[in-house]
N, C-alpha and C. Protein backbone atom coordinates (compact mmCIF):
# COMPACT_ATOMS: atom_id res chain seq x y z
N UNK A 1 91.92 41.91 95.18
CA UNK A 1 93.26 42.27 95.40
C UNK A 1 94.38 42.68 94.82
N UNK A 2 94.46 41.13 94.24
CA UNK A 2 95.53 40.65 93.75
C UNK A 2 95.53 40.97 92.15
N UNK A 3 94.28 41.36 91.58
CA UNK A 3 93.97 42.14 90.66
C UNK A 3 93.67 43.42 90.13
N UNK A 4 93.75 44.11 91.46
CA UNK A 4 93.68 45.51 91.59
C UNK A 4 94.80 46.02 90.04
N UNK A 5 96.38 45.76 91.00
CA UNK A 5 97.04 46.62 89.90
C UNK A 5 97.06 46.46 88.57
N UNK A 6 97.10 45.11 88.20
CA UNK A 6 97.41 44.39 86.20
C UNK A 6 95.77 45.14 86.10
N UNK A 7 94.76 44.99 86.26
CA UNK A 7 93.54 45.42 85.76
C UNK A 7 93.38 47.43 86.15
N UNK A 8 93.43 47.79 86.96
CA UNK A 8 93.09 49.07 87.13
C UNK A 8 94.33 49.60 86.53
N UNK A 9 95.74 49.71 86.88
CA UNK A 9 96.33 50.42 86.57
C UNK A 9 96.92 49.77 85.43
N UNK A 10 96.53 48.47 85.04
CA UNK A 10 97.42 48.38 83.34
C UNK A 10 96.40 48.58 82.83
N UNK A 11 95.21 48.96 82.73
CA UNK A 11 94.17 49.66 81.66
C UNK A 11 94.98 51.38 81.84
N UNK A 12 94.30 51.64 82.70
CA UNK A 12 95.28 53.16 82.69
C UNK A 12 96.61 53.21 81.97
N UNK A 13 97.60 52.80 82.39
CA UNK A 13 98.81 52.60 81.66
C UNK A 13 98.84 52.54 80.20
N UNK A 14 98.09 51.40 80.09
CA UNK A 14 97.96 51.07 78.52
C UNK A 14 97.27 52.06 77.60
N UNK A 15 95.86 52.28 77.76
CA UNK A 15 95.28 53.35 77.03
C UNK A 15 95.77 54.96 77.35
N UNK A 16 96.32 55.36 78.41
CA UNK A 16 96.89 56.38 78.53
C UNK A 16 98.20 56.92 77.78
N UNK A 17 98.58 57.88 77.90
CA UNK A 17 99.85 57.82 77.69
C UNK A 17 100.75 58.24 78.72
N UNK A 18 101.70 57.57 78.78
CA UNK A 18 102.51 57.68 80.04
C UNK A 18 102.87 59.16 81.04
N UNK A 19 102.79 60.03 80.37
CA UNK A 19 102.61 61.31 81.41
C UNK A 19 100.89 61.63 81.96
N UNK A 20 99.70 60.96 81.04
CA UNK A 20 98.85 61.23 81.76
C UNK A 20 98.80 60.11 82.81
N UNK A 21 98.84 59.00 82.36
CA UNK A 21 98.71 57.88 83.44
C UNK A 21 99.71 58.30 84.76
N UNK A 22 100.44 58.95 84.98
CA UNK A 22 101.33 59.40 85.99
C UNK A 22 100.77 60.60 87.04
N UNK A 23 100.12 61.15 85.71
CA UNK A 23 99.14 62.70 86.32
C UNK A 23 98.08 61.85 86.92
N UNK A 24 97.51 61.32 86.47
CA UNK A 24 96.32 60.04 87.61
C UNK A 24 96.80 59.35 88.57
N UNK A 25 98.26 59.07 88.71
CA UNK A 25 98.62 58.42 89.74
C UNK A 25 98.52 59.38 90.83
N UNK A 26 99.48 60.70 90.50
CA UNK A 26 100.02 61.43 91.16
C UNK A 26 98.76 62.04 92.10
N UNK A 27 97.92 62.38 91.34
CA UNK A 27 96.26 62.75 91.81
C UNK A 27 96.04 62.49 92.88
N UNK A 28 95.65 61.01 92.25
CA UNK A 28 94.96 59.92 93.19
C UNK A 28 95.95 59.61 94.74
N UNK A 29 97.08 59.54 94.87
CA UNK A 29 97.54 59.72 95.73
C UNK A 29 98.13 61.00 96.55
N UNK A 30 98.30 62.01 95.68
CA UNK A 30 98.22 63.50 96.99
C UNK A 30 97.04 64.26 97.08
N UNK A 31 96.02 63.88 96.61
CA UNK A 31 95.07 64.72 96.45
C UNK A 31 93.53 63.39 97.50
N UNK A 32 93.38 63.05 96.43
CA UNK A 32 92.50 61.70 96.96
C UNK A 32 92.90 60.76 98.39
N UNK A 33 94.16 60.29 98.38
CA UNK A 33 94.98 60.06 100.00
C UNK A 33 94.58 60.67 100.71
N UNK A 34 95.05 61.94 100.93
CA UNK A 34 94.41 62.68 102.14
C UNK A 34 93.25 62.64 102.07
N UNK A 35 92.14 63.21 101.42
CA UNK A 35 91.02 63.18 101.62
C UNK A 35 89.87 62.23 102.40
N UNK A 36 91.00 61.02 102.08
CA UNK A 36 90.30 59.77 102.68
C UNK A 36 90.87 59.76 103.71
N UNK A 37 91.99 60.25 104.38
CA UNK A 37 92.76 59.88 105.59
C UNK A 37 91.96 60.96 106.78
N UNK A 38 91.70 62.01 106.14
CA UNK A 38 90.84 63.20 106.78
C UNK A 38 89.71 62.27 107.38
N UNK A 39 89.20 61.83 106.14
CA UNK A 39 87.39 61.05 106.69
C UNK A 39 87.62 60.05 107.50
N UNK A 40 88.84 59.32 107.09
CA UNK A 40 88.99 58.09 108.49
C UNK A 40 89.40 58.73 110.03
N UNK A 41 90.20 59.50 109.87
CA UNK A 41 90.97 59.78 111.24
C UNK A 41 89.55 60.27 112.17
N UNK A 42 88.71 60.53 111.61
CA UNK A 42 87.75 61.59 112.53
C UNK A 42 86.86 60.64 112.94
N UNK A 43 86.62 59.28 113.18
CA UNK A 43 86.04 58.54 113.58
C UNK A 43 86.01 57.95 114.97
N UNK A 44 87.28 57.57 115.40
CA UNK A 44 87.40 56.85 116.17
C UNK A 44 88.66 57.41 117.20
N UNK A 45 89.39 58.45 116.57
CA UNK A 45 90.73 58.76 116.93
C UNK A 45 90.54 60.14 117.91
N UNK A 46 91.10 60.25 118.92
CA UNK A 46 90.76 61.26 120.20
C UNK A 46 88.86 60.96 120.84
N UNK A 47 88.33 59.76 120.44
CA UNK A 47 87.72 59.66 121.69
C UNK A 47 87.61 58.67 122.75
N UNK A 48 86.67 58.25 123.56
CA UNK A 48 86.84 57.57 124.39
C UNK A 48 87.32 56.03 124.53
N UNK A 49 88.24 55.58 125.27
CA UNK A 49 88.97 54.08 125.37
C UNK A 49 88.23 53.64 126.47
N UNK A 50 88.03 52.57 126.34
CA UNK A 50 87.50 51.80 127.55
C UNK A 50 88.14 50.14 127.97
N UNK A 51 89.07 49.78 128.93
CA UNK A 51 89.19 48.21 129.05
C UNK A 51 88.07 47.66 129.11
N UNK A 52 88.57 46.56 129.24
CA UNK A 52 87.46 45.67 129.23
C UNK A 52 86.41 45.52 130.04
N UNK A 53 86.98 45.47 131.57
CA UNK A 53 86.38 45.89 132.70
C UNK A 53 85.22 47.12 132.41
N UNK A 54 85.72 48.29 132.50
CA UNK A 54 84.80 49.49 132.08
C UNK A 54 83.59 49.08 131.10
N UNK A 55 84.33 48.40 129.84
CA UNK A 55 83.57 48.75 128.56
C UNK A 55 82.03 47.23 129.10
N UNK A 56 82.48 46.76 130.07
CA UNK A 56 81.08 45.52 130.40
C UNK A 56 80.22 46.26 131.35
N UNK A 57 80.01 47.72 131.64
CA UNK A 57 79.62 48.77 132.42
C UNK A 57 78.79 48.96 131.18
N UNK A 58 78.81 49.11 130.22
CA UNK A 58 77.90 49.97 128.69
C UNK A 58 77.03 49.15 128.02
N UNK A 59 76.10 49.41 127.93
CA UNK A 59 75.41 48.87 126.54
C UNK A 59 76.30 48.67 125.25
N UNK A 60 75.94 47.83 124.71
CA UNK A 60 76.69 47.69 123.07
C UNK A 60 76.05 49.37 122.33
N UNK A 61 75.06 49.40 122.65
CA UNK A 61 74.75 50.80 121.84
C UNK A 61 75.31 52.52 122.77
N UNK A 62 75.40 52.25 123.86
CA UNK A 62 76.03 53.25 124.27
C UNK A 62 77.80 53.54 124.03
N UNK A 63 78.17 52.24 124.08
CA UNK A 63 79.74 51.80 123.32
C UNK A 63 79.80 52.72 122.28
N UNK A 64 78.89 52.19 121.42
CA UNK A 64 78.89 53.05 120.21
C UNK A 64 78.78 54.40 119.75
N UNK A 65 77.91 54.69 120.98
CA UNK A 65 77.80 56.41 121.06
C UNK A 65 78.98 56.75 121.64
N UNK A 66 79.80 56.25 122.61
CA UNK A 66 80.99 57.00 122.93
C UNK A 66 82.37 56.79 122.39
N UNK A 67 82.70 55.66 121.61
CA UNK A 67 83.55 55.34 120.91
C UNK A 67 83.70 55.31 119.67
N UNK A 68 82.84 56.24 119.62
CA UNK A 68 82.66 56.83 117.72
C UNK A 68 82.29 58.38 117.78
N UNK A 69 82.84 59.21 116.75
CA UNK A 69 82.50 60.13 116.96
C UNK A 69 81.55 60.37 115.52
N UNK A 70 80.61 61.23 115.38
CA UNK A 70 80.05 61.68 114.33
C UNK A 70 80.16 63.47 114.26
N UNK A 71 79.87 63.88 113.17
CA UNK A 71 80.32 65.31 113.03
C UNK A 71 79.11 65.80 112.58
N UNK A 72 78.79 66.87 113.09
CA UNK A 72 77.87 68.21 112.74
C UNK A 72 78.30 68.51 111.06
N UNK A 73 77.50 69.51 110.44
CA UNK A 73 77.88 69.88 109.65
C UNK A 73 76.94 70.28 107.99
N UNK A 74 75.86 68.97 108.56
CA UNK A 74 74.87 69.17 106.93
C UNK A 74 74.99 68.00 105.82
N UNK A 75 74.77 68.87 104.85
CA UNK A 75 74.57 67.95 103.57
C UNK A 75 76.54 68.28 103.04
N UNK A 76 76.94 69.09 103.30
CA UNK A 76 78.34 69.60 102.76
C UNK A 76 78.98 68.40 103.56
N UNK A 77 79.02 68.63 104.90
CA UNK A 77 79.98 67.57 105.34
C UNK A 77 79.62 66.15 105.28
N UNK A 78 78.05 65.88 104.94
CA UNK A 78 77.86 64.38 104.31
C UNK A 78 78.55 63.95 103.24
N UNK A 79 78.66 64.97 102.34
CA UNK A 79 79.00 64.72 100.94
C UNK A 79 80.40 64.83 101.24
N UNK A 80 81.18 65.75 101.67
CA UNK A 80 82.69 65.77 102.03
C UNK A 80 83.15 64.51 102.70
N UNK A 81 82.70 64.22 103.29
CA UNK A 81 83.29 62.72 104.36
C UNK A 81 82.58 61.19 104.10
N UNK A 82 81.86 61.25 102.81
CA UNK A 82 81.09 60.08 102.13
C UNK A 82 80.11 59.42 103.16
N UNK A 83 79.45 60.10 104.10
CA UNK A 83 78.59 59.45 104.57
C UNK A 83 79.92 58.97 106.13
N UNK A 84 81.16 59.21 106.28
CA UNK A 84 82.00 59.12 107.36
C UNK A 84 81.49 59.50 108.43
N UNK A 85 81.23 60.91 108.16
CA UNK A 85 80.68 61.95 109.31
C UNK A 85 79.72 61.34 110.33
N UNK A 86 78.80 60.27 109.71
CA UNK A 86 77.41 59.80 110.67
C UNK A 86 78.28 58.06 111.30
N UNK A 87 79.17 58.20 111.53
CA UNK A 87 79.89 56.98 111.92
C UNK A 87 79.39 56.50 113.41
N UNK A 88 78.81 56.75 114.32
CA UNK A 88 77.87 56.12 115.39
C UNK A 88 76.62 55.60 114.54
N UNK A 89 76.34 55.97 113.33
CA UNK A 89 74.57 55.52 113.08
C UNK A 89 75.35 54.59 112.30
N UNK A 90 76.62 54.46 111.55
CA UNK A 90 77.20 53.67 110.87
C UNK A 90 77.51 52.16 111.67
N UNK A 91 77.63 52.59 112.91
CA UNK A 91 78.03 51.16 113.67
C UNK A 91 76.88 50.62 114.26
N UNK A 92 75.69 51.64 114.53
CA UNK A 92 74.78 51.02 115.06
C UNK A 92 73.77 50.59 114.17
N UNK A 93 73.75 50.87 112.67
CA UNK A 93 72.67 50.15 111.92
C UNK A 93 73.67 50.43 110.43
N UNK A 94 74.78 48.95 110.59
CA UNK A 94 75.60 49.12 109.26
C UNK A 94 75.05 48.64 107.94
N UNK A 95 74.24 48.32 108.02
CA UNK A 95 73.30 47.89 106.77
C UNK A 95 72.37 48.99 105.87
N UNK A 96 72.20 50.04 106.70
CA UNK A 96 71.47 51.70 106.51
C UNK A 96 72.08 52.10 105.08
N UNK A 97 71.62 52.22 104.04
CA UNK A 97 72.26 53.10 102.87
C UNK A 97 72.39 54.52 103.26
N UNK A 98 73.48 54.95 102.60
CA UNK A 98 74.43 56.22 103.15
C UNK A 98 73.17 57.14 102.86
N UNK A 99 72.22 57.25 101.92
CA UNK A 99 71.33 58.36 102.26
C UNK A 99 70.67 58.30 103.19
N UNK A 100 70.42 57.43 104.01
CA UNK A 100 69.54 57.90 105.05
C UNK A 100 70.13 57.95 106.27
N UNK A 101 71.66 57.87 105.92
CA UNK A 101 72.06 57.95 107.45
C UNK A 101 72.06 59.53 108.07
N UNK A 102 71.32 60.67 107.54
CA UNK A 102 71.41 61.65 107.76
C UNK A 102 69.81 61.67 108.64
N UNK A 103 69.09 61.25 108.52
CA UNK A 103 67.80 60.60 108.73
C UNK A 103 68.20 59.82 110.49
N UNK A 104 68.37 59.14 109.96
CA UNK A 104 69.03 58.25 111.44
C UNK A 104 69.59 58.59 112.11
N UNK A 105 70.81 59.59 111.81
CA UNK A 105 71.54 60.32 112.93
C UNK A 105 70.35 61.33 113.57
N UNK A 106 69.63 62.22 113.02
CA UNK A 106 68.06 62.97 113.80
C UNK A 106 67.86 61.77 115.21
N UNK A 107 67.25 60.87 114.42
CA UNK A 107 66.26 60.04 115.21
C UNK A 107 67.75 59.15 116.35
N UNK A 108 68.88 58.90 116.11
CA UNK A 108 69.49 58.42 116.85
C UNK A 108 70.12 59.55 118.11
N UNK A 109 70.34 60.82 118.07
CA UNK A 109 70.55 61.88 118.70
C UNK A 109 69.34 62.31 119.50
N UNK A 110 68.48 62.01 119.04
CA UNK A 110 67.14 62.34 119.93
C UNK A 110 66.89 61.46 120.95
N UNK A 111 67.34 60.44 120.52
CA UNK A 111 66.69 59.30 121.13
C UNK A 111 67.89 58.76 122.50
N UNK A 112 69.16 59.56 122.26
CA UNK A 112 70.41 59.24 123.46
C UNK A 112 69.92 60.42 124.17
N UNK A 113 69.22 61.65 123.73
CA UNK A 113 69.01 62.93 124.31
C UNK A 113 67.95 62.37 125.51
N UNK A 114 67.24 61.74 124.99
CA UNK A 114 65.71 61.44 125.80
C UNK A 114 65.75 60.29 126.81
N UNK A 115 66.97 59.38 126.63
CA UNK A 115 67.72 58.50 127.46
C UNK A 115 68.81 59.09 127.95
N UNK A 116 69.10 60.15 128.37
CA UNK A 116 70.31 60.42 129.15
C UNK A 116 71.90 60.04 128.46
N UNK A 117 71.82 59.41 127.39
CA UNK A 117 72.89 58.68 126.95
C UNK A 117 73.88 59.51 126.15
N UNK A 118 75.22 59.75 126.27
CA UNK A 118 76.11 60.70 125.77
C UNK A 118 76.43 60.40 124.22
N UNK A 119 75.96 61.07 123.25
CA UNK A 119 75.81 61.12 121.74
C UNK A 119 77.20 61.81 121.21
N UNK A 120 78.62 61.34 121.28
CA UNK A 120 79.75 61.82 120.87
C UNK A 120 79.48 62.69 119.43
N UNK A 121 79.32 64.03 119.35
CA UNK A 121 79.06 64.80 118.16
C UNK A 121 79.82 66.27 118.21
N UNK A 122 80.61 66.29 117.36
CA UNK A 122 81.86 67.36 116.99
C UNK A 122 81.36 68.16 115.19
N UNK A 123 82.08 69.19 115.33
CA UNK A 123 82.15 69.99 114.38
C UNK A 123 83.24 69.27 113.75
N UNK A 124 83.61 69.02 112.51
CA UNK A 124 85.22 68.36 111.90
C UNK A 124 85.98 69.50 112.43
N UNK A 125 86.16 70.69 112.53
CA UNK A 125 87.34 71.33 113.24
C UNK A 125 87.58 71.13 114.62
N UNK A 126 86.49 70.93 115.38
CA UNK A 126 86.89 70.24 116.81
C UNK A 126 87.20 68.89 116.88
N UNK A 127 86.71 68.06 115.99
CA UNK A 127 87.20 66.88 116.05
C UNK A 127 88.63 66.68 115.30
N UNK A 128 89.61 67.85 114.66
CA UNK A 128 90.95 67.59 114.34
C UNK A 128 91.09 68.14 115.30
N UNK A 129 90.99 69.51 116.37
CA UNK A 129 91.33 69.27 117.45
C UNK A 129 91.71 68.30 118.44
N UNK A 130 90.42 67.76 118.64
CA UNK A 130 90.34 66.78 119.67
C UNK A 130 91.48 65.28 118.98
N UNK A 131 91.89 65.45 117.98
CA UNK A 131 92.83 64.18 117.30
C UNK A 131 94.12 65.03 117.35
N UNK A 132 94.38 66.21 117.59
CA UNK A 132 95.68 66.69 117.80
C UNK A 132 96.02 66.55 119.16
N UNK A 133 94.90 66.83 120.22
CA UNK A 133 95.38 66.75 121.65
C UNK A 133 95.55 65.07 122.22
N UNK A 134 94.73 64.19 121.49
CA UNK A 134 94.83 62.91 122.06
C UNK A 134 96.23 62.66 121.04
N UNK A 135 96.66 62.55 120.05
CA UNK A 135 97.94 62.40 119.22
C UNK A 135 99.28 62.80 120.59
N UNK A 136 98.88 64.27 121.12
CA UNK A 136 99.43 65.13 121.84
C UNK A 136 100.25 64.21 123.30
N UNK A 137 98.91 63.57 123.51
CA UNK A 137 98.93 62.97 124.88
C UNK A 137 99.51 61.73 125.21
N UNK A 138 100.05 61.28 123.71
CA UNK A 138 101.09 59.77 123.77
C UNK A 138 102.30 60.14 123.38
């Protein structure tokens, strides 16, 4: 991490003219950073929260399904969120490659339905509404 600035930014500022390097810096900070933020905040913000005593009543799998959120939307949503739209599956199967998470999502959803386990899944718009409501409660 300490070498990130000199290696990445040093190389960019060394090889590109100053104005081009600043454009790259601004693009990354004002376009890509919000894109990442929108992806990360949908994972847990606005999801159920349990204290220790309540959490002990759930299995590890059920806790993952209730305290994480997966997003509906298919291939485009999967691309846009970089696989973070399958957050429940990411927690249940952390070593699964991103390109298999949509397949695993279908299996997980069916398993939860079969065993009457709550599976927390919304559309991205619904997720942002839930997040906004949760922030208002604070």
